[in-house]
Amino acid sequence: MDFHIKSYPSLNIDMLRQVNRQETVEAVYKARQLSDRTGLVLEKISLNPPDNIPDWDEAGMQRRVDSWKHEVEKGGYLLLAEQEGQILGFGLTGPKKQDGSIELVALFVSASVRRMGIGQVLFRELEAHAKDQGGKSLLIYANPTLSAVDFYLGQGCHLIGLAEKSLVTHLPWDVVFAKVL
């Protein structure tokens, strides 16, 4: 697939409307503490029937745009994957924090073009930019879905915990990852 990556100084709702967030979720991950209490291990939980993550509604889109605009204004970095004027996906990192971490605030690819390398390219570009900014680690709050967790594990990220949901409230928790830069 032929696409290009561009950085943008701001995000608007029209951009977000082009990215179809829908997904059928057949499994999620849950973390449990190891018996020796030295870490966490992920357990896959099959969903029967599968859960359907809907596309964003207008209120949800506006809430995200408002939040993500704020991240960009504070010094975050926004990348869009485009093909012939159509936005296929996007990624956003926040500004570097005092501890040297940089949060991967958002990474989304439209349903019709997933598993074609777009997410990987966006992730690698955001990771490189975070390193260039002097970041020491990338912090990621991901949905517990099979696709999201497997994606971040495949990018070399490590499980560090679970967090309560903030935006996608119909899923029970976020899986928290970190990647040393």
C-alpha atoms as a PDB file:
ATOM      1  CA  MET A   1       0.000   0.000   0.000  1.00  0.00           C
ATOM      2  CA  ASP A   2       1.327   3.396  -0.995  1.00  0.00           C
ATOM      3  CA  PHE A   3       0.848   6.110   1.649  1.00  0.00           C
ATOM      4  CA  HIS A   4       2.870   8.915   3.153  1.00  0.00           C
ATOM      5  CA  ILE A   5       3.355  10.247   6.671  1.00  0.00           C
ATOM      6  CA  LYS A   6       3.129  13.977   7.427  1.00  0.00           C
ATOM      7  CA  SER A   7       3.434  15.950  10.637  1.00  0.00           C
ATOM      8  CA  TYR A   8       0.670  18.458  11.322  1.00  0.00           C
ATOM      9  CA  PRO A   9       0.573  21.405  13.723  1.00  0.00           C
ATOM     10  CA  SER A  10      -3.038  20.805  14.794  1.00  0.00           C
ATOM     11  CA  LEU A  11      -5.912  18.329  14.740  1.00  0.00           C
ATOM     12  CA  ASN A  12      -9.499  19.063  13.803  1.00  0.00           C
ATOM     13  CA  ILE A  13     -12.701  17.072  13.855  1.00  0.00           C
ATOM     14  CA  ASP A  14     -12.812  16.749  10.048  1.00  0.00           C
ATOM     15  CA  MET A  15      -9.515  14.846  10.171  1.00  0.00           C
ATOM     16  CA  LEU A  16     -10.814  12.520  12.862  1.00  0.00           C
ATOM     17  CA  ARG A  17     -14.034  11.805  10.936  1.00  0.00           C
ATOM     18  CA  GLN A  18     -11.964  10.141   8.197  1.00  0.00           C
ATOM     19  CA  VAL A  19     -10.599   7.456  10.554  1.00  0.00           C
ATOM     20  CA  ASN A  20     -13.039   4.579  11.085  1.00  0.00           C
ATOM     21  CA  ARG A  21     -12.466   3.271  14.605  1.00  0.00           C
ATOM     22  CA  GLN A  22     -14.872   0.289  14.379  1.00  0.00           C
ATOM     23  CA  GLU A  23     -13.586  -3.084  15.483  1.00  0.00           C
ATOM     24  CA  THR A  24     -14.995  -6.503  16.331  1.00  0.00           C
ATOM     25  CA  VAL A  25     -13.256  -7.714  19.477  1.00  0.00           C
ATOM     26  CA  GLU A  26     -13.091 -11.468  19.904  1.00  0.00           C
ATOM     27  CA  ALA A  27     -10.678 -11.425  22.850  1.00  0.00           C
ATOM     28  CA  VAL A  28      -9.227  -9.070  25.435  1.00  0.00           C
ATOM     29  CA  TYR A  29      -6.279  -9.347  27.752  1.00  0.00           C
ATOM     30  CA  LYS A  30      -6.320  -9.145  31.496  1.00  0.00           C
ATOM     31  CA  ALA A  31      -3.173  -8.860  33.601  1.00  0.00           C
ATOM     32  CA  ARG A  32      -2.588 -10.811  36.770  1.00  0.00           C
ATOM     33  CA  GLN A  33       0.227 -10.615  39.236  1.00  0.00           C
ATOM     34  CA  LEU A  34       2.844 -13.362  39.159  1.00  0.00           C
ATOM     35  CA  SER A  35       2.753 -15.655  42.181  1.00  0.00           C
ATOM     36  CA  ASP A  36       6.128 -14.314  43.362  1.00  0.00           C
ATOM     37  CA  ARG A  37       4.725 -10.754  43.052  1.00  0.00           C
ATOM     38  CA  THR A  38       7.613  -9.650  40.817  1.00  0.00           C
ATOM     39  CA  GLY A  39       5.564  -8.630  37.811  1.00  0.00           C
ATOM     40  CA  LEU A  40       2.475  -9.101  35.699  1.00  0.00           C
ATOM     41  CA  VAL A  41       1.479 -11.631  33.086  1.00  0.00           C
ATOM     42  CA  LEU A  42      -1.210 -11.193  30.436  1.00  0.00           C
ATOM     43  CA  GLU A  43      -4.067 -13.687  30.134  1.00  0.00           C
ATOM     44  CA  LYS A  44      -6.194 -13.809  26.996  1.00  0.00           C
ATOM     45  CA  ILE A  45      -9.958 -13.901  27.585  1.00  0.00           C
ATOM     46  CA  SER A  46     -12.174 -14.911  24.647  1.00  0.00           C
ATOM     47  CA  LEU A  47     -15.413 -12.970  24.259  1.00  0.00           C
ATOM     48  CA  ASN A  48     -18.474 -14.911  23.216  1.00  0.00           C
ATOM     49  CA  PRO A  49     -20.293 -13.176  21.673  1.00  0.00           C
ATOM     50  CA  PRO A  50     -17.642 -10.781  20.375  1.00  0.00           C
ATOM     51  CA  ASP A  51     -17.814  -7.133  21.446  1.00  0.00           C
ATOM     52  CA  ASN A  52     -18.183  -4.445  18.808  1.00  0.00           C
ATOM     53  CA  ILE A  53     -16.330  -1.184  19.289  1.00  0.00           C
ATOM     54  CA  PRO A  54     -18.371   1.407  17.414  1.00  0.00           C
ATOM     55  CA  ASP A  55     -17.005   4.284  15.408  1.00  0.00           C
ATOM     56  CA  TRP A  56     -16.784   7.549  17.326  1.00  0.00           C
ATOM     57  CA  ASP A  57     -19.999   9.533  17.661  1.00  0.00           C
ATOM     58  CA  GLU A  58     -19.890  13.336  17.289  1.00  0.00           C
ATOM     59  CA  ALA A  59     -19.635  13.974  21.050  1.00  0.00           C
ATOM     60  CA  GLY A  60     -16.869  11.380  21.397  1.00  0.00           C
ATOM     61  CA  MET A  61     -14.966  12.861  18.480  1.00  0.00           C
ATOM     62  CA  GLN A  62     -15.248  16.367  19.880  1.00  0.00           C
ATOM     63  CA  ARG A  63     -14.076  15.229  23.333  1.00  0.00           C
ATOM     64  CA  ARG A  64     -11.017  13.574  21.810  1.00  0.00           C
ATOM     65  CA  VAL A  65     -10.203  16.490  19.509  1.00  0.00           C
ATOM     66  CA  ASP A  66     -10.392  18.901  22.466  1.00  0.00           C
ATOM     67  CA  SER A  67      -8.100  16.689  24.549  1.00  0.00           C
ATOM     68  CA  TRP A  68      -5.640  15.973  21.741  1.00  0.00           C
ATOM     69  CA  LYS A  69      -5.509  19.621  20.598  1.00  0.00           C
ATOM     70  CA  HIS A  70      -4.389  20.472  24.118  1.00  0.00           C
ATOM     71  CA  GLU A  71      -1.572  17.892  23.858  1.00  0.00           C
ATOM     72  CA  VAL A  72      -0.384  19.394  20.570  1.00  0.00           C
ATOM     73  CA  GLU A  73      -0.531  22.928  22.004  1.00  0.00           C
ATOM     74  CA  LYS A  74       1.645  21.800  24.947  1.00  0.00           C
ATOM     75  CA  GLY A  75       4.324  20.592  22.539  1.00  0.00           C
ATOM     76  CA  GLY A  76       3.033  17.233  21.357  1.00  0.00           C
ATOM     77  CA  TYR A  77       3.708  15.772  17.930  1.00  0.00           C
ATOM     78  CA  LEU A  78       0.943  14.785  15.489  1.00  0.00           C
ATOM     79  CA  LEU A  79       1.472  12.526  12.470  1.00  0.00           C
ATOM     80  CA  LEU A  80      -1.075  11.603   9.822  1.00  0.00           C
ATOM     81  CA  ALA A  81      -0.898   8.722   7.358  1.00  0.00           C
ATOM     82  CA  GLU A  82      -2.426   9.858   4.083  1.00  0.00           C
ATOM     83  CA  GLN A  83      -3.178   8.464   0.667  1.00  0.00           C
ATOM     84  CA  GLU A  84      -4.462  10.779  -2.074  1.00  0.00           C
ATOM     85  CA  GLY A  85      -5.859  13.265   0.459  1.00  0.00           C
ATOM     86  CA  GLN A  86      -7.597  10.598   2.565  1.00  0.00           C
ATOM     87  CA  ILE A  87      -6.438  10.168   6.168  1.00  0.00           C
ATOM     88  CA  LEU A  88      -5.804   6.475   6.844  1.00  0.00           C
ATOM     89  CA  GLY A  89      -4.602   6.859  10.415  1.00  0.00           C
ATOM     90  CA  PHE A  90      -2.859   9.124  12.866  1.00  0.00           C
ATOM     91  CA  GLY A  91      -0.637   9.113  15.907  1.00  0.00           C
ATOM     92  CA  LEU A  92       0.067  11.664  18.601  1.00  0.00           C
ATOM     93  CA  THR A  93       2.689  11.915  21.310  1.00  0.00           C
ATOM     94  CA  GLY A  94       2.507  14.389  24.159  1.00  0.00           C
ATOM     95  CA  PRO A  95       5.342  16.632  25.300  1.00  0.00           C
ATOM     96  CA  LYS A  96       8.300  15.245  27.240  1.00  0.00           C
ATOM     97  CA  LYS A  97       7.608  15.035  30.980  1.00  0.00           C
ATOM     98  CA  GLN A  98      10.044  15.853  33.790  1.00  0.00           C
ATOM     99  CA  ASP A  99      10.895  12.154  34.225  1.00  0.00           C
ATOM    100  CA  GLY A 100      11.885  11.928  30.551  1.00  0.00           C
ATOM    101  CA  SER A 101       8.836   9.912  29.509  1.00  0.00           C
ATOM    102  CA  ILE A 102       6.714  10.794  26.510  1.00  0.00           C
ATOM    103  CA  GLU A 103       3.159   9.497  26.284  1.00  0.00           C
ATOM    104  CA  LEU A 104       1.828   7.972  23.100  1.00  0.00           C
ATOM    105  CA  VAL A 105      -1.512   9.739  23.426  1.00  0.00           C
ATOM    106  CA  ALA A 106      -3.235   8.228  20.390  1.00  0.00           C
ATOM    107  CA  LEU A 107      -2.566   5.806  17.552  1.00  0.00           C
ATOM    108  CA  PHE A 108      -5.448   4.846  15.286  1.00  0.00           C
ATOM    109  CA  VAL A 109      -5.706   3.296  11.824  1.00  0.00           C
ATOM    110  CA  SER A 110      -8.957   3.023   9.849  1.00  0.00           C
ATOM    111  CA  ALA A 111     -10.579  -0.407   9.944  1.00  0.00           C
ATOM    112  CA  SER A 112     -10.343  -0.931   6.172  1.00  0.00           C
ATOM    113  CA  VAL A 113      -6.550  -0.518   6.091  1.00  0.00           C
ATOM    114  CA  ARG A 114      -5.442  -2.205   9.320  1.00  0.00           C
ATOM    115  CA  ARG A 115      -2.652  -4.798   9.210  1.00  0.00           C
ATOM    116  CA  MET A 116      -1.071  -3.130   6.177  1.00  0.00           C
ATOM    117  CA  GLY A 117       1.876  -1.597   8.036  1.00  0.00           C
ATOM    118  CA  ILE A 118       0.425   1.877   8.585  1.00  0.00           C
ATOM    119  CA  GLY A 119       0.314   1.570  12.391  1.00  0.00           C
ATOM    120  CA  GLN A 120       3.876   0.232  12.438  1.00  0.00           C
ATOM    121  CA  VAL A 121       5.176   3.139  10.364  1.00  0.00           C
ATOM    122  CA  LEU A 122       3.327   5.682  12.513  1.00  0.00           C
ATOM    123  CA  PHE A 123       4.658   4.049  15.691  1.00  0.00           C
ATOM    124  CA  ARG A 124       8.266   3.987  14.423  1.00  0.00           C
ATOM    125  CA  GLU A 125       8.098   7.644  13.329  1.00  0.00           C
ATOM    126  CA  LEU A 126       6.621   8.721  16.674  1.00  0.00           C
ATOM    127  CA  GLU A 127       9.230   6.655  18.521  1.00  0.00           C
ATOM    128  CA  ALA A 128      12.054   8.272  16.512  1.00  0.00           C
ATOM    129  CA  HIS A 129      10.673  11.742  17.198  1.00  0.00           C
ATOM    130  CA  ALA A 130      10.415  10.981  20.929  1.00  0.00           C
ATOM    131  CA  LYS A 131      14.095   9.931  20.928  1.00  0.00           C
ATOM    132  CA  ASP A 132      15.024  13.108  19.042  1.00  0.00           C
ATOM    133  CA  GLN A 133      13.257  15.125  21.744  1.00  0.00           C
ATOM    134  CA  GLY A 134      15.418  13.488  24.406  1.00  0.00           C
ATOM    135  CA  GLY A 135      12.716  11.134  25.642  1.00  0.00           C
ATOM    136  CA  LYS A 136      13.886   8.200  27.747  1.00  0.00           C
ATOM    137  CA  SER A 137      10.730   6.094  27.446  1.00  0.00           C
ATOM    138  CA  LEU A 138       7.431   5.914  25.634  1.00  0.00           C
ATOM    139  CA  LEU A 139       4.362   5.402  27.858  1.00  0.00           C
ATOM    140  CA  ILE A 140       1.254   3.854  26.277  1.00  0.00           C
ATOM    141  CA  TYR A 141      -2.275   3.375  27.621  1.00  0.00           C
ATOM    142  CA  ALA A 142      -3.880   0.842  25.265  1.00  0.00           C
ATOM    143  CA  ASN A 143      -7.263  -0.816  24.979  1.00  0.00           C
ATOM    144  CA  PRO A 144      -7.059  -4.401  26.274  1.00  0.00           C
ATOM    145  CA  THR A 145      -8.110  -5.789  22.889  1.00  0.00           C
ATOM    146  CA  LEU A 146      -6.188  -8.611  21.261  1.00  0.00           C
ATOM    147  CA  SER A 147      -5.283  -6.385  18.305  1.00  0.00           C
ATOM    148  CA  ALA A 148      -3.983  -3.465  20.401  1.00  0.00           C
ATOM    149  CA  VAL A 149      -2.042  -5.535  22.938  1.00  0.00           C
ATOM    150  CA  ASP A 150      -0.478  -7.763  20.289  1.00  0.00           C
ATOM    151  CA  PHE A 151       0.458  -4.690  18.244  1.00  0.00           C
ATOM    152  CA  TYR A 152       2.314  -2.993  21.106  1.00  0.00           C
ATOM    153  CA  LEU A 153       4.027  -6.211  22.194  1.00  0.00           C
ATOM    154  CA  GLY A 154       5.156  -6.596  18.568  1.00  0.00           C
ATOM    155  CA  GLN A 155       6.689  -3.108  18.713  1.00  0.00           C
ATOM    156  CA  GLY A 156       8.878  -4.126  21.664  1.00  0.00           C
ATOM    157  CA  CYS A 157       6.741  -2.546  24.382  1.00  0.00           C
ATOM    158  CA  HIS A 158       6.593  -4.060  27.870  1.00  0.00           C
ATOM    159  CA  LEU A 159       3.580  -4.460  30.131  1.00  0.00           C
ATOM    160  CA  ILE A 160       3.854  -2.302  33.245  1.00  0.00           C
ATOM    161  CA  GLY A 161       0.295  -2.253  34.612  1.00  0.00           C
ATOM    162  CA  LEU A 162      -3.423  -1.657  34.247  1.00  0.00           C
ATOM    163  CA  ALA A 163      -5.363   1.593  34.556  1.00  0.00           C
ATOM    164  CA  GLU A 164      -9.015   2.539  34.824  1.00  0.00           C
ATOM    165  CA  LYS A 165     -10.682   3.610  31.601  1.00  0.00           C
ATOM    166  CA  SER A 166     -11.002   7.272  30.799  1.00  0.00           C
ATOM    167  CA  LEU A 167     -12.335   7.613  27.243  1.00  0.00           C
ATOM    168  CA  VAL A 168     -13.452   4.160  26.041  1.00  0.00           C
ATOM    169  CA  THR A 169     -15.676   3.360  28.986  1.00  0.00           C
ATOM    170  CA  HIS A 170     -17.333   0.238  27.544  1.00  0.00           C
ATOM    171  CA  LEU A 171     -14.041  -1.660  27.883  1.00  0.00           C
ATOM    172  CA  PRO A 172     -13.090  -2.508  31.484  1.00  0.00           C
ATOM    173  CA  TRP A 173      -9.484  -1.269  31.714  1.00  0.00           C
ATOM    174  CA  ASP A 174      -6.455   0.019  29.840  1.00  0.00           C
ATOM    175  CA  VAL A 175      -3.288  -2.039  29.525  1.00  0.00           C
ATOM    176  CA  VAL A 176      -0.275   0.161  30.264  1.00  0.00           C
ATOM    177  CA  PHE A 177       2.941  -0.366  28.326  1.00  0.00           C
ATOM    178  CA  ALA A 178       6.336   1.286  28.293  1.00  0.00           C
ATOM    179  CA  LYS A 179       9.181   1.175  25.826  1.00  0.00           C
ATOM    180  CA  VAL A 180      12.672   2.311  26.632  1.00  0.00           C
ATOM    181  CA  LEU A 181      13.954   4.662  23.941  1.00  0.00           C
END
